[in-house]
Amino acid sequence: MTADGSYHHGNLRAALLERAEAVLTASGAEGLSLRGLARDLGVSHAAPSRHFRDRQALLDALAVSGFTTLNARLRSAATGGTDETAGAAGPVGARLAELGRAYVDFAVGHTALLDLMFTVKHADDSSAELRELGHESLLIVARLMEAGQRTGAVRPGDPVQLAQVAFSTVHGLATLAVAALLDDTPLTEATELALEVLLAGLRPGR
């Protein structure tokens, strides 16, 4: 942002998305409007329309941005923070646990955004890009399940179904945490216990 309050080309879009998530968190999707964002950022009412044709385009972009961020975090956890082509990156179980922690952290820290992401993704008119990004979240986990199956660390079964079970575990935990339904159990402790139980269930039977 420049000294006079204007934005360089390209910076306004990022600023609009950042402010939009803040409004989404505070007021819900119903509190979002391009005019309101323009007012908050001190730009002309017409300025946001250069980046988003309407409010729905803004919501779609927020969802795309959210899935892009989530997938980057999941991918980093799945690969141990290394390049995906670099080979082994630590035990599969440890990486699955990191995946779980990464998802819970995102889900609890960006609750309103995650709700919007799923709502927009499952809309009848959702874009192919958004559907692909949403599916990629599942595939990141499924690919790690496959890697675990090849080394004997993960039980046989459809990797996508196993990934869905893993997601249901950590998403359910995050939902309970956001709703303050964990009572006196700290989120970190609950997360580690849930992952311990999940990983035990994913191991091949003896």
Protein backbone atom coordinates (compact mmCIF):
# COMPACT_ATOMS: atom_id res chain seq x y z
CA MET A 1 0.00 0.00 0.00
CA THR A 2 1.36 3.42 -0.91
CA ALA A 3 1.65 6.41 1.39
CA ASP A 4 -1.44 8.06 -0.03
CA GLY A 5 -3.61 5.04 0.69
CA SER A 6 -3.76 3.72 -2.88
CA TYR A 7 -2.73 0.25 -3.98
CA HIS A 8 -0.27 -0.87 -6.59
CA HIS A 9 -1.78 -3.00 -9.33
CA GLY A 10 -2.10 -6.57 -8.05
CA ASN A 11 -1.89 -5.64 -4.38
CA LEU A 12 -5.54 -4.65 -4.15
CA ARG A 13 -6.79 -8.14 -4.97
CA ALA A 14 -4.75 -9.65 -2.14
CA ALA A 15 -5.85 -6.88 0.22
CA LEU A 16 -9.50 -7.45 -0.69
CA LEU A 17 -9.23 -11.18 0.00
CA GLU A 18 -7.47 -10.59 3.31
CA ARG A 19 -10.06 -8.07 4.44
CA ALA A 20 -12.88 -10.30 3.14
CA GLU A 21 -11.75 -13.18 5.34
CA ALA A 22 -11.62 -10.86 8.35
CA VAL A 23 -15.19 -9.70 7.67
CA LEU A 24 -16.28 -13.29 7.02
CA THR A 25 -14.90 -14.34 10.40
CA ALA A 26 -16.50 -11.43 12.24
CA SER A 27 -19.86 -11.15 10.46
CA GLY A 28 -20.39 -14.19 8.27
CA ALA A 29 -20.82 -14.28 4.50
CA GLU A 30 -23.91 -12.09 4.76
CA GLY A 31 -21.70 -9.25 5.99
CA LEU A 32 -19.56 -9.26 2.86
CA SER A 33 -20.01 -6.76 0.06
CA LEU A 34 -17.64 -5.27 -2.49
CA ARG A 35 -18.76 -1.78 -1.53
CA GLY A 36 -18.08 -2.45 2.14
CA LEU A 37 -14.62 -3.83 1.39
CA ALA A 38 -13.84 -0.78 -0.74
CA ARG A 39 -14.87 1.47 2.14
CA ASP A 40 -12.77 -0.50 4.63
CA LEU A 41 -9.69 -0.27 2.41
CA GLY A 42 -10.20 3.36 1.50
CA VAL A 43 -10.49 2.82 -2.26
CA SER A 44 -13.19 3.84 -4.73
CA HIS A 45 -16.40 1.82 -4.85
CA ALA A 46 -15.52 0.73 -8.39
CA ALA A 47 -12.01 -0.48 -7.56
CA PRO A 48 -12.94 -4.02 -6.37
CA SER A 49 -14.85 -4.67 -9.61
CA ARG A 50 -11.55 -4.69 -11.48
CA HIS A 51 -10.76 -7.95 -9.67
CA PHE A 52 -14.18 -9.46 -8.85
CA ARG A 53 -17.15 -9.03 -11.17
CA ASP A 54 -19.61 -9.45 -8.28
CA ARG A 55 -19.98 -10.69 -4.72
CA GLN A 56 -20.18 -14.34 -5.78
CA ALA A 57 -16.89 -14.03 -7.63
CA LEU A 58 -15.36 -12.73 -4.41
CA LEU A 59 -16.72 -15.70 -2.45
CA ASP A 60 -15.42 -18.10 -5.09
CA ALA A 61 -11.98 -16.49 -4.94
CA LEU A 62 -11.97 -16.73 -1.16
CA ALA A 63 -12.74 -20.44 -1.38
CA VAL A 64 -10.03 -21.00 -4.00
CA SER A 65 -7.53 -19.12 -1.85
CA GLY A 66 -8.55 -21.16 1.19
CA PHE A 67 -8.16 -24.52 -0.54
CA THR A 68 -4.84 -23.42 -2.04
CA THR A 69 -3.52 -22.56 1.42
CA LEU A 70 -4.92 -25.72 3.02
CA ASN A 71 -3.49 -27.95 0.29
CA ALA A 72 -0.07 -26.35 0.61
CA ARG A 73 -0.07 -27.09 4.33
CA LEU A 74 -1.29 -30.65 3.82
CA ARG A 75 1.26 -31.26 1.07
CA SER A 76 4.08 -29.97 3.26
CA ALA A 77 2.98 -32.28 6.08
CA ALA A 78 2.63 -35.26 3.74
CA THR A 79 6.12 -34.82 2.33
CA GLY A 80 7.82 -33.95 5.59
CA GLY A 81 8.43 -30.43 4.30
CA THR A 82 10.53 -31.71 1.40
CA ASP A 83 10.05 -31.61 -2.35
CA GLU A 84 7.58 -34.35 -3.36
CA THR A 85 10.13 -35.74 -5.83
CA ALA A 86 12.90 -35.94 -3.24
CA GLY A 87 12.02 -39.48 -2.10
CA ALA A 88 11.40 -40.76 1.39
CA ALA A 89 10.57 -38.06 3.91
CA GLY A 90 10.22 -39.93 7.17
CA PRO A 91 7.86 -42.66 8.41
CA VAL A 92 4.37 -42.60 6.93
CA GLY A 93 2.75 -42.72 10.37
CA ALA A 94 4.59 -39.59 11.47
CA ARG A 95 3.57 -37.79 8.30
CA LEU A 96 -0.06 -38.85 8.68
CA ALA A 97 0.01 -37.41 12.19
CA GLU A 98 1.44 -34.15 10.83
CA LEU A 99 -1.34 -34.08 8.25
CA GLY A 100 -3.91 -34.41 11.02
CA ARG A 101 -2.34 -31.63 13.06
CA ALA A 102 -2.15 -29.38 10.00
CA TYR A 103 -5.84 -29.88 9.22
CA VAL A 104 -6.99 -29.29 12.79
CA ASP A 105 -4.86 -26.15 13.00
CA PHE A 106 -6.35 -24.78 9.77
CA ALA A 107 -9.92 -25.79 10.62
CA VAL A 108 -9.83 -24.20 14.07
CA GLY A 109 -7.96 -21.10 12.91
CA HIS A 110 -10.11 -20.46 9.82
CA THR A 111 -13.51 -21.83 10.79
CA ALA A 112 -15.66 -19.41 8.80
CA LEU A 113 -13.42 -19.71 5.75
CA LEU A 114 -13.53 -23.52 5.86
CA ASP A 115 -17.33 -23.47 6.06
CA LEU A 116 -17.40 -21.18 3.04
CA MET A 117 -14.94 -23.38 1.16
CA PHE A 118 -17.16 -26.45 1.53
CA THR A 119 -20.36 -24.51 0.81
CA VAL A 120 -19.04 -22.97 -2.40
CA LYS A 121 -17.37 -26.21 -3.53
CA HIS A 122 -20.63 -28.18 -3.24
CA ALA A 123 -22.77 -25.53 -4.95
CA ASP A 124 -24.38 -26.64 -8.21
CA ASP A 125 -22.53 -23.95 -10.13
CA SER A 126 -19.11 -24.41 -8.52
CA SER A 127 -16.15 -24.03 -10.86
CA ALA A 128 -14.01 -26.91 -12.09
CA GLU A 129 -11.00 -25.25 -10.45
CA LEU A 130 -12.69 -25.21 -7.07
CA ARG A 131 -13.85 -28.82 -7.32
CA GLU A 132 -10.37 -29.94 -8.31
CA LEU A 133 -8.75 -28.04 -5.44
CA GLY A 134 -11.23 -29.53 -2.98
CA HIS A 135 -10.63 -33.04 -4.30
CA GLU A 136 -6.87 -32.52 -4.15
CA SER A 137 -7.12 -32.19 -0.37
CA LEU A 138 -8.45 -35.75 -0.24
CA LEU A 139 -5.95 -37.05 -2.79
CA ILE A 140 -2.98 -35.71 -0.81
CA VAL A 141 -4.01 -37.94 2.08
CA ALA A 142 -4.95 -40.86 -0.20
CA ARG A 143 -1.54 -40.81 -1.86
CA LEU A 144 0.13 -41.01 1.54
CA MET A 145 -2.15 -43.92 2.46
CA GLU A 146 -0.98 -45.68 -0.73
CA ALA A 147 2.64 -45.04 0.19
CA GLY A 148 1.98 -46.55 3.61
CA GLN A 149 0.35 -49.59 2.06
CA ARG A 150 3.40 -50.19 -0.13
CA THR A 151 5.67 -50.26 2.93
CA GLY A 152 3.26 -52.27 5.08
CA ALA A 153 2.56 -49.36 7.45
CA VAL A 154 -1.11 -48.95 6.47
CA ARG A 155 -3.79 -51.63 6.28
CA PRO A 156 -5.15 -52.79 2.90
CA GLY A 157 -8.19 -51.02 1.51
CA ASP A 158 -9.28 -48.26 -0.83
CA PRO A 159 -6.85 -45.37 -0.12
CA VAL A 160 -9.54 -42.79 -0.85
CA GLN A 161 -11.92 -44.38 1.65
CA LEU A 162 -9.16 -44.54 4.25
CA ALA A 163 -8.44 -40.86 3.58
CA GLN A 164 -12.12 -40.04 4.05
CA VAL A 165 -12.11 -41.78 7.44
CA ALA A 166 -8.99 -39.86 8.44
CA PHE A 167 -10.59 -36.57 7.42
CA SER A 168 -13.78 -37.39 9.31
CA THR A 169 -11.74 -37.96 12.46
CA VAL A 170 -9.82 -34.67 12.42
CA HIS A 171 -12.71 -32.63 11.02
CA GLY A 172 -15.02 -33.94 13.73
CA LEU A 173 -12.47 -33.07 16.38
CA ALA A 174 -12.06 -29.56 15.01
CA THR A 175 -15.84 -29.11 14.94
CA LEU A 176 -16.08 -30.10 18.61
CA ALA A 177 -13.26 -27.72 19.50
CA VAL A 178 -14.85 -24.76 17.71
CA ALA A 179 -18.16 -25.48 19.44
CA ALA A 180 -16.36 -25.60 22.83
CA LEU A 181 -17.52 -29.20 23.33
CA LEU A 182 -14.19 -30.64 24.46
CA ASP A 183 -14.94 -29.50 28.02
CA ASP A 184 -11.68 -29.35 29.98
CA THR A 185 -9.60 -31.36 27.50
CA PRO A 186 -7.00 -29.15 25.80
CA LEU A 187 -7.19 -29.23 22.01
CA THR A 188 -3.56 -30.36 21.68
CA GLU A 189 -4.18 -33.30 24.00
CA ALA A 190 -7.40 -34.26 22.23
CA THR A 191 -5.68 -34.03 18.85
CA GLU A 192 -2.83 -36.31 19.88
CA LEU A 193 -5.22 -38.87 21.35
CA ALA A 194 -7.42 -38.83 18.24
CA LEU A 195 -4.38 -39.31 16.02
CA GLU A 196 -3.07 -42.13 18.21
CA VAL A 197 -6.40 -43.96 17.90
CA LEU A 198 -6.65 -43.23 14.16
CA LEU A 199 -3.12 -44.44 13.42
CA ALA A 200 -3.66 -47.59 15.48
CA GLY A 201 -6.71 -48.36 13.37
CA LEU A 202 -4.81 -47.77 10.13
CA ARG A 203 -2.05 -50.24 10.96
CA PRO A 204 -2.33 -53.71 9.43
CA GLY A 205 -3.85 -56.33 11.73
CA ARG A 206 -1.49 -58.69 13.48
